[in-house]
Amino acid sequence: MSINQWEKAEPGVQRRIHSPGKEVMMMEVLFEEGAEGSSHHHPHEQLTYCVEGKLAFHVNGEEKVIEAGESLHIPSNAEHGVKALKRSKIIDMFTPLREDLLG
């Protein structure tokens, strides 16, 4: 994993992790239409902002669709995954730092 460089996360999904602060970090994620982010959970609180496109998130069994200009809060330890309904770009913010993503 490299800071500030694009890397493949899953099929049709690329991410770029930006230089983190002390307690918060940001990541850009690009999705091809139909690409999925597999279901997972983590102890970190997450805010997701949709820059472009349209995505269907599943958070603790509930579907939440967001489009460009909309955001979503994912609580700590919530099971969540996503499917891109259109080619999309999001910004994810995490607190505390996701050491699992930072290496």
PDB file of N, CA and C in Angstrom:
ATOM      1  N   MET A   1       0.842  -1.171   0.000  1.00  0.00           N
ATOM      2  CA  MET A   1       0.000   0.000   0.000  1.00  0.00           C
ATOM      3  C   MET A   1       0.890   1.237   0.000  1.00  0.00           C
ATOM      4  N   SER A   2       0.537   2.180  -0.849  1.00  0.00           N
ATOM      5  CA  SER A   2       1.304   3.415  -0.950  1.00  0.00           C
ATOM      6  C   SER A   2       0.398   4.615  -0.729  1.00  0.00           C
ATOM      7  N   ILE A   3       0.870   5.564   0.048  1.00  0.00           N
ATOM      8  CA  ILE A   3       0.127   6.794   0.286  1.00  0.00           C
ATOM      9  C   ILE A   3       0.141   7.630  -0.998  1.00  0.00           C
ATOM     10  N   ASN A   4      -1.001   8.217  -1.331  1.00  0.00           N
ATOM     11  CA  ASN A   4      -1.163   9.128  -2.471  1.00  0.00           C
ATOM     12  C   ASN A   4      -0.950   8.478  -3.837  1.00  0.00           C
ATOM     13  N   GLN A   5      -1.031   7.155  -3.924  1.00  0.00           N
ATOM     14  CA  GLN A   5      -0.930   6.470  -5.209  1.00  0.00           C
ATOM     15  C   GLN A   5      -2.135   5.560  -5.392  1.00  0.00           C
ATOM     16  N   TRP A   6      -2.646   5.507  -6.626  1.00  0.00           N
ATOM     17  CA  TRP A   6      -3.795   4.650  -6.919  1.00  0.00           C
ATOM     18  C   TRP A   6      -3.373   3.190  -6.874  1.00  0.00           C
ATOM     19  N   GLU A   7      -4.272   2.353  -6.308  1.00  0.00           N
ATOM     20  CA  GLU A   7      -4.050   0.914  -6.265  1.00  0.00           C
ATOM     21  C   GLU A   7      -5.374   0.192  -6.466  1.00  0.00           C
ATOM     22  N   LYS A   8      -5.300  -1.021  -6.979  1.00  0.00           N
ATOM     23  CA  LYS A   8      -6.500  -1.833  -7.161  1.00  0.00           C
ATOM     24  C   LYS A   8      -6.938  -2.365  -5.807  1.00  0.00           C
ATOM     25  N   ALA A   9      -8.209  -2.155  -5.480  1.00  0.00           N
ATOM     26  CA  ALA A   9      -8.743  -2.636  -4.208  1.00  0.00           C
ATOM     27  C   ALA A   9      -9.517  -3.944  -4.414  1.00  0.00           C
ATOM     28  N   GLU A  10     -10.375  -3.977  -5.427  1.00  0.00           N
ATOM     29  CA  GLU A  10     -11.181  -5.134  -5.795  1.00  0.00           C
ATOM     30  C   GLU A  10     -11.434  -5.007  -7.295  1.00  0.00           C
ATOM     31  N   PRO A  11     -11.979  -6.039  -7.940  1.00  0.00           N
ATOM     32  CA  PRO A  11     -12.253  -5.906  -9.378  1.00  0.00           C
ATOM     33  C   PRO A  11     -13.136  -4.687  -9.672  1.00  0.00           C
ATOM     34  N   GLY A  12     -12.656  -3.807 -10.541  1.00  0.00           N
ATOM     35  CA  GLY A  12     -13.410  -2.618 -10.910  1.00  0.00           C
ATOM     36  C   GLY A  12     -13.363  -1.500  -9.892  1.00  0.00           C
ATOM     37  N   VAL A  13     -12.520  -1.656  -8.858  1.00  0.00           N
ATOM     38  CA  VAL A  13     -12.436  -0.667  -7.783  1.00  0.00           C
ATOM     39  C   VAL A  13     -10.972  -0.267  -7.575  1.00  0.00           C
ATOM     40  N   GLN A  14     -10.720   1.036  -7.588  1.00  0.00           N
ATOM     41  CA  GLN A  14      -9.390   1.564  -7.295  1.00  0.00           C
ATOM     42  C   GLN A  14      -9.490   2.539  -6.132  1.00  0.00           C
ATOM     43  N   ARG A  15      -8.426   2.636  -5.351  1.00  0.00           N
ATOM     44  CA  ARG A  15      -8.432   3.576  -4.223  1.00  0.00           C
ATOM     45  C   ARG A  15      -7.105   4.306  -4.126  1.00  0.00           C
ATOM     46  N   ARG A  16      -7.164   5.476  -3.511  1.00  0.00           N
ATOM     47  CA  ARG A  16      -5.969   6.273  -3.238  1.00  0.00           C
ATOM     48  C   ARG A  16      -6.107   6.810  -1.822  1.00  0.00           C
ATOM     49  N   ILE A  17      -5.200   6.397  -0.961  1.00  0.00           N
ATOM     50  CA  ILE A  17      -5.207   6.837   0.431  1.00  0.00           C
ATOM     51  C   ILE A  17      -4.346   8.086   0.536  1.00  0.00           C
ATOM     52  N   HIS A  18      -4.921   9.141   1.086  1.00  0.00           N
ATOM     53  CA  HIS A  18      -4.202  10.401   1.246  1.00  0.00           C
ATOM     54  C   HIS A  18      -3.417  10.400   2.555  1.00  0.00           C
ATOM     55  N   SER A  19      -2.445  11.256   2.657  1.00  0.00           N
ATOM     56  CA  SER A  19      -1.641  11.357   3.878  1.00  0.00           C
ATOM     57  C   SER A  19      -2.569  11.599   5.066  1.00  0.00           C
ATOM     58  N   PRO A  20      -2.487  10.759   6.094  1.00  0.00           N
ATOM     59  CA  PRO A  20      -3.399  10.875   7.229  1.00  0.00           C
ATOM     60  C   PRO A  20      -2.997  11.954   8.224  1.00  0.00           C
ATOM     61  N   GLY A  21      -3.977  12.354   9.041  1.00  0.00           N
ATOM     62  CA  GLY A  21      -3.707  13.209  10.186  1.00  0.00           C
ATOM     63  C   GLY A  21      -3.429  12.322  11.386  1.00  0.00           C
ATOM     64  N   LYS A  22      -3.572  12.880  12.583  1.00  0.00           N
ATOM     65  CA  LYS A  22      -3.310  12.098  13.794  1.00  0.00           C
ATOM     66  C   LYS A  22      -4.461  11.162  14.133  1.00  0.00           C
ATOM     67  N   GLU A  23      -5.707  11.577  13.866  1.00  0.00           N
ATOM     68  CA  GLU A  23      -6.870  10.784  14.249  1.00  0.00           C
ATOM     69  C   GLU A  23      -7.878  10.576  13.125  1.00  0.00           C
ATOM     70  N   VAL A  24      -7.604  11.156  11.943  1.00  0.00           N
ATOM     71  CA  VAL A  24      -8.548  11.043  10.834  1.00  0.00           C
ATOM     72  C   VAL A  24      -7.785  10.811   9.535  1.00  0.00           C
ATOM     73  N   MET A  25      -8.407  10.074   8.613  1.00  0.00           N
ATOM     74  CA  MET A  25      -7.783   9.826   7.318  1.00  0.00           C
ATOM     75  C   MET A  25      -8.833   9.867   6.224  1.00  0.00           C
ATOM     76  N   MET A  26      -8.354  10.056   4.988  1.00  0.00           N
ATOM     77  CA  MET A  26      -9.233  10.199   3.840  1.00  0.00           C
ATOM     78  C   MET A  26      -8.750   9.299   2.710  1.00  0.00           C
ATOM     79  N   MET A  27      -9.714   8.781   1.954  1.00  0.00           N
ATOM     80  CA  MET A  27      -9.400   7.894   0.845  1.00  0.00           C
ATOM     81  C   MET A  27     -10.368   8.171  -0.303  1.00  0.00           C
ATOM     82  N   GLU A  28      -9.852   8.281  -1.521  1.00  0.00           N
ATOM     83  CA  GLU A  28     -10.686   8.382  -2.725  1.00  0.00           C
ATOM     84  C   GLU A  28     -10.888   6.972  -3.259  1.00  0.00           C
ATOM     85  N   VAL A  29     -12.096   6.690  -3.750  1.00  0.00           N
ATOM     86  CA  VAL A  29     -12.380   5.379  -4.320  1.00  0.00           C
ATOM     87  C   VAL A  29     -13.127   5.563  -5.636  1.00  0.00           C
ATOM     88  N   LEU A  30     -12.649   4.897  -6.678  1.00  0.00           N
ATOM     89  CA  LEU A  30     -13.282   4.916  -8.000  1.00  0.00           C
ATOM     90  C   LEU A  30     -13.902   3.555  -8.273  1.00  0.00           C
ATOM     91  N   PHE A  31     -15.140   3.559  -8.753  1.00  0.00           N
ATOM     92  CA  PHE A  31     -15.861   2.333  -9.077  1.00  0.00           C
ATOM     93  C   PHE A  31     -16.283   2.345 -10.540  1.00  0.00           C
ATOM     94  N   GLU A  32     -16.026   1.264 -11.245  1.00  0.00           N
ATOM     95  CA  GLU A  32     -16.627   1.073 -12.550  1.00  0.00           C
ATOM     96  C   GLU A  32     -18.092   0.703 -12.310  1.00  0.00           C
ATOM     97  N   GLU A  33     -18.956   0.981 -13.285  1.00  0.00           N
ATOM     98  CA  GLU A  33     -20.364   0.604 -13.135  1.00  0.00           C
ATOM     99  C   GLU A  33     -20.471  -0.889 -12.869  1.00  0.00           C
ATOM    100  N   GLY A  34     -21.258  -1.252 -11.855  1.00  0.00           N
ATOM    101  CA  GLY A  34     -21.459  -2.648 -11.482  1.00  0.00           C
ATOM    102  C   GLY A  34     -20.428  -3.206 -10.519  1.00  0.00           C
ATOM    103  N   ALA A  35     -19.341  -2.484 -10.279  1.00  0.00           N
ATOM    104  CA  ALA A  35     -18.301  -2.964  -9.355  1.00  0.00           C
ATOM    105  C   ALA A  35     -18.835  -2.963  -7.923  1.00  0.00           C
ATOM    106  N   GLU A  36     -18.287  -3.850  -7.131  1.00  0.00           N
ATOM    107  CA  GLU A  36     -18.739  -3.979  -5.748  1.00  0.00           C
ATOM    108  C   GLU A  36     -17.581  -3.905  -4.766  1.00  0.00           C
ATOM    109  N   GLY A  37     -17.881  -3.301  -3.630  1.00  0.00           N
ATOM    110  CA  GLY A  37     -16.994  -3.339  -2.480  1.00  0.00           C
ATOM    111  C   GLY A  37     -17.567  -4.379  -1.535  1.00  0.00           C
ATOM    112  N   SER A  38     -16.826  -5.452  -1.273  1.00  0.00           N
ATOM    113  CA  SER A  38     -17.355  -6.568  -0.494  1.00  0.00           C
ATOM    114  C   SER A  38     -17.758  -6.144   0.917  1.00  0.00           C
ATOM    115  N   SER A  39     -18.704  -6.871   1.451  1.00  0.00           N
ATOM    116  CA  SER A  39     -19.228  -6.587   2.787  1.00  0.00           C
ATOM    117  C   SER A  39     -18.134  -6.804   3.840  1.00  0.00           C
ATOM    118  N   HIS A  40     -18.038  -5.870   4.779  1.00  0.00           N
ATOM    119  CA  HIS A  40     -17.021  -5.939   5.831  1.00  0.00           C
ATOM    120  C   HIS A  40     -17.456  -5.032   6.987  1.00  0.00           C
ATOM    121  N   HIS A  41     -16.685  -5.038   8.030  1.00  0.00           N
ATOM    122  CA  HIS A  41     -16.909  -4.121   9.157  1.00  0.00           C
ATOM    123  C   HIS A  41     -15.569  -3.790   9.778  1.00  0.00           C
ATOM    124  N   HIS A  42     -15.529  -2.684  10.479  1.00  0.00           N
ATOM    125  CA  HIS A  42     -14.315  -2.251  11.169  1.00  0.00           C
ATOM    126  C   HIS A  42     -14.734  -1.358  12.334  1.00  0.00           C
ATOM    127  N   PRO A  43     -13.872  -1.201  13.320  1.00  0.00           N
ATOM    128  CA  PRO A  43     -14.231  -0.398  14.496  1.00  0.00           C
ATOM    129  C   PRO A  43     -14.227   1.106  14.238  1.00  0.00           C
ATOM    130  N   HIS A  44     -13.844   1.509  13.049  1.00  0.00           N
ATOM    131  CA  HIS A  44     -13.718   2.928  12.726  1.00  0.00           C
ATOM    132  C   HIS A  44     -15.048   3.518  12.293  1.00  0.00           C
ATOM    133  N   GLU A  45     -15.300   4.760  12.673  1.00  0.00           N
ATOM    134  CA  GLU A  45     -16.451   5.490  12.185  1.00  0.00           C
ATOM    135  C   GLU A  45     -16.102   5.995  10.786  1.00  0.00           C
ATOM    136  N   GLN A  46     -17.084   5.979   9.870  1.00  0.00           N
ATOM    137  CA  GLN A  46     -16.816   6.332   8.476  1.00  0.00           C
ATOM    138  C   GLN A  46     -17.859   7.311   7.958  1.00  0.00           C
ATOM    139  N   LEU A  47     -17.386   8.327   7.235  1.00  0.00           N
ATOM    140  CA  LEU A  47     -18.249   9.215   6.463  1.00  0.00           C
ATOM    141  C   LEU A  47     -17.880   9.036   5.009  1.00  0.00           C
ATOM    142  N   THR A  48     -18.877   8.874   4.151  1.00  0.00           N
ATOM    143  CA  THR A  48     -18.665   8.711   2.717  1.00  0.00           C
ATOM    144  C   THR A  48     -19.386   9.823   1.984  1.00  0.00           C
ATOM    145  N   TYR A  49     -18.676  10.489   1.075  1.00  0.00           N
ATOM    146  CA  TYR A  49     -19.249  11.552   0.247  1.00  0.00           C
ATOM    147  C   TYR A  49     -19.151  11.121  -1.211  1.00  0.00           C
ATOM    148  N   CYS A  50     -20.271  11.169  -1.924  1.00  0.00           N
ATOM    149  CA  CYS A  50     -20.300  10.791  -3.333  1.00  0.00           C
ATOM    150  C   CYS A  50     -19.971  12.009  -4.194  1.00  0.00           C
ATOM    151  N   VAL A  51     -18.830  11.967  -4.861  1.00  0.00           N
ATOM    152  CA  VAL A  51     -18.385  13.050  -5.736  1.00  0.00           C
ATOM    153  C   VAL A  51     -19.122  12.976  -7.066  1.00  0.00           C
ATOM    154  N   GLU A  52     -19.246  11.755  -7.607  1.00  0.00           N
ATOM    155  CA  GLU A  52     -19.964  11.557  -8.866  1.00  0.00           C
ATOM    156  C   GLU A  52     -20.511  10.148  -8.920  1.00  0.00           C
ATOM    157  N   GLY A  53     -21.598   9.951  -9.662  1.00  0.00           N
ATOM    158  CA  GLY A  53     -22.174   8.628  -9.838  1.00  0.00           C
ATOM    159  C   GLY A  53     -23.335   8.342  -8.907  1.00  0.00           C
ATOM    160  N   LYS A  54     -23.600   7.059  -8.715  1.00  0.00           N
ATOM    161  CA  LYS A  54     -24.706   6.590  -7.877  1.00  0.00           C
ATOM    162  C   LYS A  54     -24.336   5.213  -7.347  1.00  0.00           C
ATOM    163  N   LEU A  55     -24.483   5.025  -6.032  1.00  0.00           N
ATOM    164  CA  LEU A  55     -24.097   3.778  -5.380  1.00  0.00           C
ATOM    165  C   LEU A  55     -25.181   3.306  -4.425  1.00  0.00           C
ATOM    166  N   ALA A  56     -25.303   1.981  -4.310  1.00  0.00           N
ATOM    167  CA  ALA A  56     -26.214   1.376  -3.342  1.00  0.00           C
ATOM    168  C   ALA A  56     -25.375   0.742  -2.237  1.00  0.00           C
ATOM    169  N   PHE A  57     -25.458   1.312  -1.046  1.00  0.00           N
ATOM    170  CA  PHE A  57     -24.768   0.777   0.130  1.00  0.00           C
ATOM    171  C   PHE A  57     -25.723  -0.118   0.899  1.00  0.00           C
ATOM    172  N   HIS A  58     -25.186  -1.149   1.509  1.00  0.00           N
ATOM    173  CA  HIS A  58     -25.942  -1.969   2.444  1.00  0.00           C
ATOM    174  C   HIS A  58     -25.240  -1.817   3.788  1.00  0.00           C
ATOM    175  N   VAL A  59     -25.952  -1.226   4.748  1.00  0.00           N
ATOM    176  CA  VAL A  59     -25.392  -0.966   6.069  1.00  0.00           C
ATOM    177  C   VAL A  59     -26.274  -1.665   7.096  1.00  0.00           C
ATOM    178  N   ASN A  60     -25.713  -2.669   7.754  1.00  0.00           N
ATOM    179  CA  ASN A  60     -26.460  -3.468   8.727  1.00  0.00           C
ATOM    180  C   ASN A  60     -27.791  -3.951   8.163  1.00  0.00           C
ATOM    181  N   GLY A  61     -27.763  -4.427   6.897  1.00  0.00           N
ATOM    182  CA  GLY A  61     -28.941  -5.007   6.269  1.00  0.00           C
ATOM    183  C   GLY A  61     -29.894  -4.017   5.630  1.00  0.00           C
ATOM    184  N   GLU A  62     -29.631  -2.729   5.753  1.00  0.00           N
ATOM    185  CA  GLU A  62     -30.502  -1.701   5.177  1.00  0.00           C
ATOM    186  C   GLU A  62     -29.842  -1.087   3.947  1.00  0.00           C
ATOM    187  N   GLU A  63     -30.595  -0.969   2.848  1.00  0.00           N
ATOM    188  CA  GLU A  63     -30.040  -0.358   1.639  1.00  0.00           C
ATOM    189  C   GLU A  63     -30.173   1.157   1.711  1.00  0.00           C
ATOM    190  N   LYS A  64     -29.071   1.833   1.347  1.00  0.00           N
ATOM    191  CA  LYS A  64     -29.042   3.290   1.292  1.00  0.00           C
ATOM    192  C   LYS A  64     -28.395   3.680  -0.025  1.00  0.00           C
ATOM    193  N   VAL A  65     -29.131   4.383  -0.887  1.00  0.00           N
ATOM    194  CA  VAL A  65     -28.610   4.801  -2.188  1.00  0.00           C
ATOM    195  C   VAL A  65     -28.193   6.257  -2.083  1.00  0.00           C
ATOM    196  N   ILE A  66     -26.965   6.557  -2.538  1.00  0.00           N
ATOM    197  CA  ILE A  66     -26.506   7.943  -2.568  1.00  0.00           C
ATOM    198  C   ILE A  66     -26.028   8.291  -3.974  1.00  0.00           C
ATOM    199  N   GLU A  67     -26.167   9.564  -4.308  1.00  0.00           N
ATOM    200  CA  GLU A  67     -25.749  10.088  -5.602  1.00  0.00           C
ATOM    201  C   GLU A  67     -24.809  11.264  -5.372  1.00  0.00           C
ATOM    202  N   ALA A  68     -24.275  11.795  -6.464  1.00  0.00           N
ATOM    203  CA  ALA A  68     -23.352  12.927  -6.395  1.00  0.00           C
ATOM    204  C   ALA A  68     -23.904  14.028  -5.497  1.00  0.00           C
ATOM    205  N   GLY A  69     -23.062  14.493  -4.578  1.00  0.00           N
ATOM    206  CA  GLY A  69     -23.433  15.555  -3.658  1.00  0.00           C
ATOM    207  C   GLY A  69     -24.047  15.073  -2.353  1.00  0.00           C
ATOM    208  N   GLU A  70     -24.258  13.773  -2.223  1.00  0.00           N
ATOM    209  CA  GLU A  70     -24.852  13.221  -1.000  1.00  0.00           C
ATOM    210  C   GLU A  70     -23.801  12.466  -0.192  1.00  0.00           C
ATOM    211  N   SER A  71     -24.088  12.303   1.091  1.00  0.00           N
ATOM    212  CA  SER A  71     -23.141  11.613   1.975  1.00  0.00           C
ATOM    213  C   SER A  71     -23.857  10.555   2.800  1.00  0.00           C
ATOM    214  N   LEU A  72     -23.062   9.723   3.444  1.00  0.00           N
ATOM    215  CA  LEU A  72     -23.566   8.613   4.236  1.00  0.00           C
ATOM    216  C   LEU A  72     -22.658   8.419   5.440  1.00  0.00           C
ATOM    217  N   HIS A  73     -23.260   8.215   6.606  1.00  0.00           N
ATOM    218  CA  HIS A  73     -22.514   7.896   7.825  1.00  0.00           C
ATOM    219  C   HIS A  73     -22.592   6.395   8.058  1.00  0.00           C
ATOM    220  N   ILE A  74     -21.450   5.762   8.283  1.00  0.00           N
ATOM    221  CA  ILE A  74     -21.399   4.340   8.610  1.00  0.00           C
ATOM    222  C   ILE A  74     -20.828   4.226  10.020  1.00  0.00           C
ATOM    223  N   PRO A  75     -21.672   3.799  10.963  1.00  0.00           N
ATOM    224  CA  PRO A  75     -21.213   3.725  12.358  1.00  0.00           C
ATOM    225  C   PRO A  75     -20.114   2.684  12.573  1.00  0.00           C
ATOM    226  N   SER A  76     -19.409   2.839  13.649  1.00  0.00           N
ATOM    227  CA  SER A  76     -18.397   1.887  14.069  1.00  0.00           C
ATOM    228  C   SER A  76     -18.990   0.479  14.123  1.00  0.00           C
ATOM    229  N   ASN A  77     -18.265  -0.496  13.568  1.00  0.00           N
ATOM    230  CA  ASN A  77     -18.613  -1.916  13.583  1.00  0.00           C
ATOM    231  C   ASN A  77     -19.842  -2.291  12.758  1.00  0.00           C
ATOM    232  N   ALA A  78     -20.400  -1.379  11.970  1.00  0.00           N
ATOM    233  CA  ALA A  78     -21.549  -1.699  11.126  1.00  0.00           C
ATOM    234  C   ALA A  78     -21.088  -2.549   9.934  1.00  0.00           C
ATOM    235  N   GLU A  79     -21.797  -3.615   9.669  1.00  0.00           N
ATOM    236  CA  GLU A  79     -21.521  -4.440   8.485  1.00  0.00           C
ATOM    237  C   GLU A  79     -21.978  -3.645   7.267  1.00  0.00           C
ATOM    238  N   HIS A  80     -21.083  -3.471   6.280  1.00  0.00           N
ATOM    239  CA  HIS A  80     -21.440  -2.669   5.112  1.00  0.00           C
ATOM    240  C   HIS A  80     -20.696  -3.111   3.856  1.00  0.00           C
ATOM    241  N   GLY A  81     -21.337  -2.876   2.725  1.00  0.00           N
ATOM    242  CA  GLY A  81     -20.782  -3.148   1.411  1.00  0.00           C
ATOM    243  C   GLY A  81     -21.451  -2.193   0.440  1.00  0.00           C
ATOM    244  N   VAL A  82     -20.991  -2.197  -0.808  1.00  0.00           N
ATOM    245  CA  VAL A  82     -21.505  -1.219  -1.769  1.00  0.00           C
ATOM    246  C   VAL A  82     -21.475  -1.801  -3.179  1.00  0.00           C
ATOM    247  N   LYS A  83     -22.418  -1.343  -4.022  1.00  0.00           N
ATOM    248  CA  LYS A  83     -22.425  -1.656  -5.447  1.00  0.00           C
ATOM    249  C   LYS A  83     -22.610  -0.355  -6.211  1.00  0.00           C
ATOM    250  N   ALA A  84     -21.772  -0.142  -7.223  1.00  0.00           N
ATOM    251  CA  ALA A  84     -21.866   1.063  -8.048  1.00  0.00           C
ATOM    252  C   ALA A  84     -22.970   0.876  -9.084  1.00  0.00           C
ATOM    253  N   LEU A  85     -23.998   1.702  -9.018  1.00  0.00           N
ATOM    254  CA  LEU A  85     -25.093   1.658  -9.977  1.00  0.00           C
ATOM    255  C   LEU A  85     -24.716   2.393 -11.262  1.00  0.00           C
ATOM    256  N   LYS A  86     -23.734   3.283 -11.148  1.00  0.00           N
ATOM    257  CA  LYS A  86     -23.130   4.004 -12.274  1.00  0.00           C
ATOM    258  C   LYS A  86     -21.641   4.099 -11.957  1.00  0.00           C
ATOM    259  N   ARG A  87     -20.843   4.479 -12.954  1.00  0.00           N
ATOM    260  CA  ARG A  87     -19.434   4.772 -12.673  1.00  0.00           C
ATOM    261  C   ARG A  87     -19.424   5.849 -11.583  1.00  0.00           C
ATOM    262  N   SER A  88     -18.643   5.654 -10.537  1.00  0.00           N
ATOM    263  CA  SER A  88     -18.730   6.530  -9.372  1.00  0.00           C
ATOM    264  C   SER A  88     -17.377   6.840  -8.762  1.00  0.00           C
ATOM    265  N   LYS A  89     -17.363   7.950  -8.020  1.00  0.00           N
ATOM    266  CA  LYS A  89     -16.190   8.338  -7.235  1.00  0.00           C
ATOM    267  C   LYS A  89     -16.690   8.793  -5.872  1.00  0.00           C
ATOM    268  N   ILE A  90     -16.075   8.261  -4.821  1.00  0.00           N
ATOM    269  CA  ILE A  90     -16.429   8.671  -3.464  1.00  0.00           C
ATOM    270  C   ILE A  90     -15.175   9.097  -2.703  1.00  0.00           C
ATOM    271  N   ILE A  91     -15.415   9.827  -1.638  1.00  0.00           N
ATOM    272  CA  ILE A  91     -14.379  10.169  -0.660  1.00  0.00           C
ATOM    273  C   ILE A  91     -14.817   9.535   0.656  1.00  0.00           C
ATOM    274  N   ASP A  92     -13.966   8.701   1.229  1.00  0.00           N
ATOM    275  CA  ASP A  92     -14.222   8.095   2.539  1.00  0.00           C
ATOM    276  C   ASP A  92     -13.324   8.754   3.572  1.00  0.00           C
ATOM    277  N   MET A  93     -13.901   9.062   4.717  1.00  0.00           N
ATOM    278  CA  MET A  93     -13.156   9.603   5.862  1.00  0.00           C
ATOM    279  C   MET A  93     -13.334   8.615   7.010  1.00  0.00           C
ATOM    280  N   PHE A  94     -12.241   8.341   7.717  1.00  0.00           N
ATOM    281  CA  PHE A  94     -12.268   7.399   8.835  1.00  0.00           C
ATOM    282  C   PHE A  94     -11.642   8.021  10.072  1.00  0.00           C
ATOM    283  N   THR A  95     -12.204   7.670  11.225  1.00  0.00           N
ATOM    284  CA  THR A  95     -11.585   8.008  12.492  1.00  0.00           C
ATOM    285  C   THR A  95     -11.876   6.872  13.462  1.00  0.00           C
ATOM    286  N   PRO A  96     -10.913   6.420  14.272  1.00  0.00           N
ATOM    287  CA  PRO A  96      -9.502   6.788  14.205  1.00  0.00           C
ATOM    288  C   PRO A  96      -8.864   6.243  12.932  1.00  0.00           C
ATOM    289  N   LEU A  97      -7.562   6.341  12.821  1.00  0.00           N
ATOM    290  CA  LEU A  97      -6.843   5.894  11.632  1.00  0.00           C
ATOM    291  C   LEU A  97      -7.068   4.409  11.376  1.00  0.00           C
ATOM    292  N   ARG A  98      -7.216   4.052  10.099  1.00  0.00           N
ATOM    293  CA  ARG A  98      -7.324   2.648   9.685  1.00  0.00           C
ATOM    294  C   ARG A  98      -5.920   2.100   9.473  1.00  0.00           C
ATOM    295  N   GLU A  99      -5.323   1.635  10.544  1.00  0.00           N
ATOM    296  CA  GLU A  99      -3.968   1.097  10.471  1.00  0.00           C
ATOM    297  C   GLU A  99      -3.898  -0.080   9.492  1.00  0.00           C
ATOM    298  N   ASP A 100      -5.015  -0.818   9.325  1.00  0.00           N
ATOM    299  CA  ASP A 100      -5.047  -1.944   8.387  1.00  0.00           C
ATOM    300  C   ASP A 100      -4.855  -1.462   6.949  1.00  0.00           C
ATOM    301  N   LEU A 101      -5.221  -0.231   6.637  1.00  0.00           N
ATOM    302  CA  LEU A 101      -5.043   0.323   5.299  1.00  0.00           C
ATOM    303  C   LEU A 101      -3.717   1.066   5.157  1.00  0.00           C
ATOM    304  N   LEU A 102      -3.160   1.497   6.255  1.00  0.00           N
ATOM    305  CA  LEU A 102      -1.934   2.281   6.215  1.00  0.00           C
ATOM    306  C   LEU A 102      -0.676   1.418   6.185  1.00  0.00           C
ATOM    307  N   GLY A 103      -0.837   0.120   6.398  1.00  0.00           N
ATOM    308  CA  GLY A 103       0.326  -0.765   6.307  1.00  0.00           C
ATOM    309  C   GLY A 103       0.841  -1.080   7.612  1.00  0.00           C
TER     310      GLY A 103
END
